[in-house]
Amino acid sequence: SITKERTEIILQGTSSLDPNDPTAVWEEFEFKCKPGDLRRRPCLISPYHYRLDWLMWFAAFQTYEQNEWIIHLAGKLLAQEESTLSLLATNPFAGRDPP
């Protein structure tokens, strides 16, 4: 069975110099198969899943302390590490300064 509520982790970044500024624009990192944009067609891969997307789904049911790898993932996204970015569907900061 699956859950009736959709709980998910959303990773976002901003180019704003002050991330606490209410006018800061936050942009979402899209994953290849993790649920995200409701207008995007669902990803269907059988019999396997993209591992990172699968882990993100289960991490949403726990705290970041129980999933310390999320902190490392965020750090790699901030550093714009190419091998990590290759796991994502889109990088909103491609061709721009890192978030």
Protein backbone atom coordinates (compact mmCIF):
# COMPACT_ATOMS: atom_id res chain seq x y z
CA SER A 1 0.00 0.00 0.00
CA ILE A 2 1.01 3.62 -0.29
CA THR A 3 0.31 6.63 1.86
CA LYS A 4 -2.75 8.82 1.40
CA GLU A 5 -0.79 12.04 1.92
CA ARG A 6 2.04 13.20 -0.30
CA THR A 7 5.01 14.08 1.86
CA GLU A 8 8.17 14.99 0.00
CA ILE A 9 11.49 16.77 0.31
CA ILE A 10 11.99 19.68 -2.05
CA LEU A 11 15.51 21.01 -2.58
CA GLN A 12 15.70 24.63 -3.65
CA GLY A 13 18.37 27.27 -4.11
CA THR A 14 18.45 31.02 -4.55
CA SER A 15 20.78 33.49 -6.24
CA SER A 16 19.73 36.17 -3.78
CA LEU A 17 22.52 37.63 -1.65
CA ASP A 18 20.12 37.52 1.31
CA PRO A 19 18.16 34.25 1.35
CA ASN A 20 15.98 35.65 4.16
CA ASP A 21 14.81 38.52 1.95
CA PRO A 22 11.08 38.03 1.27
CA THR A 23 11.69 38.94 -2.38
CA ALA A 24 14.32 36.20 -2.83
CA VAL A 25 13.41 33.86 -5.66
CA TRP A 26 13.82 30.18 -4.79
CA GLU A 27 14.27 27.69 -7.63
CA GLU A 28 13.67 23.96 -7.35
CA PHE A 29 16.09 21.22 -8.34
CA GLU A 30 14.01 18.70 -10.31
CA PHE A 31 14.72 15.00 -10.01
CA LYS A 32 14.32 12.52 -12.85
CA CYS A 33 11.57 10.43 -11.29
CA LYS A 34 10.76 11.90 -7.88
CA PRO A 35 7.26 13.38 -7.74
CA GLY A 36 7.51 17.11 -8.13
CA ASP A 37 5.83 19.34 -10.69
CA LEU A 38 2.18 18.29 -10.78
CA ARG A 39 2.03 19.21 -14.47
CA ARG A 40 4.85 16.81 -15.37
CA ARG A 41 3.97 13.34 -16.58
CA PRO A 42 4.90 10.69 -13.97
CA CYS A 43 8.06 8.72 -14.60
CA LEU A 44 7.57 5.00 -15.13
CA ILE A 45 10.59 2.73 -14.93
CA SER A 46 10.23 -0.97 -14.39
CA PRO A 47 11.32 -3.06 -12.63
CA TYR A 48 13.76 -0.65 -10.94
CA HIS A 49 13.64 2.92 -9.63
CA TYR A 50 16.19 5.71 -9.75
CA ARG A 51 17.88 5.13 -6.40
CA LEU A 52 18.25 8.80 -5.37
CA ASP A 53 14.62 9.56 -6.21
CA TRP A 54 13.52 6.47 -4.27
CA LEU A 55 15.61 7.47 -1.24
CA MET A 56 14.15 10.99 -1.32
CA TRP A 57 10.66 9.52 -1.08
CA PHE A 58 11.47 7.52 2.06
CA ALA A 59 13.56 10.28 3.62
CA ALA A 60 10.45 12.49 3.62
CA PHE A 61 8.95 10.24 6.29
CA GLN A 62 11.85 10.87 8.68
CA THR A 63 14.07 13.71 9.90
CA TYR A 64 17.31 14.84 8.29
CA GLU A 65 19.15 13.47 11.33
CA GLN A 66 17.98 10.01 10.26
CA ASN A 67 19.11 10.73 6.68
CA GLU A 68 22.39 12.63 6.98
CA TRP A 69 23.13 11.95 3.30
CA ILE A 70 20.64 14.73 2.43
CA ILE A 71 22.99 17.31 4.01
CA HIS A 72 25.85 15.97 1.88
CA LEU A 73 23.63 16.05 -1.22
CA ALA A 74 22.71 19.69 -0.54
CA GLY A 75 26.40 20.57 -0.13
CA LYS A 76 27.23 18.95 -3.47
CA LEU A 77 24.40 20.86 -5.14
CA LEU A 78 25.69 24.13 -3.64
CA ALA A 79 29.15 23.30 -4.99
CA GLN A 80 27.58 22.48 -8.40
CA GLU A 81 29.36 19.10 -8.46
CA GLU A 82 28.86 17.69 -11.97
CA SER A 83 28.56 14.04 -10.94
CA THR A 84 25.80 14.93 -8.49
CA LEU A 85 24.00 17.23 -10.93
CA SER A 86 23.96 14.38 -13.47
CA LEU A 87 21.55 12.55 -11.14
CA LEU A 88 18.98 15.34 -11.53
CA ALA A 89 16.55 16.14 -14.33
CA THR A 90 17.23 19.88 -14.22
CA ASN A 91 19.68 22.29 -12.65
CA PRO A 92 18.04 25.72 -12.33
CA PHE A 93 21.51 27.29 -11.96
CA ALA A 94 23.07 25.86 -15.12
CA GLY A 95 25.25 28.50 -16.77
CA ARG A 96 24.91 30.81 -13.76
CA ASP A 97 26.66 31.35 -10.48
CA PRO A 98 25.99 28.59 -7.90
CA PRO A 99 23.14 29.15 -5.45
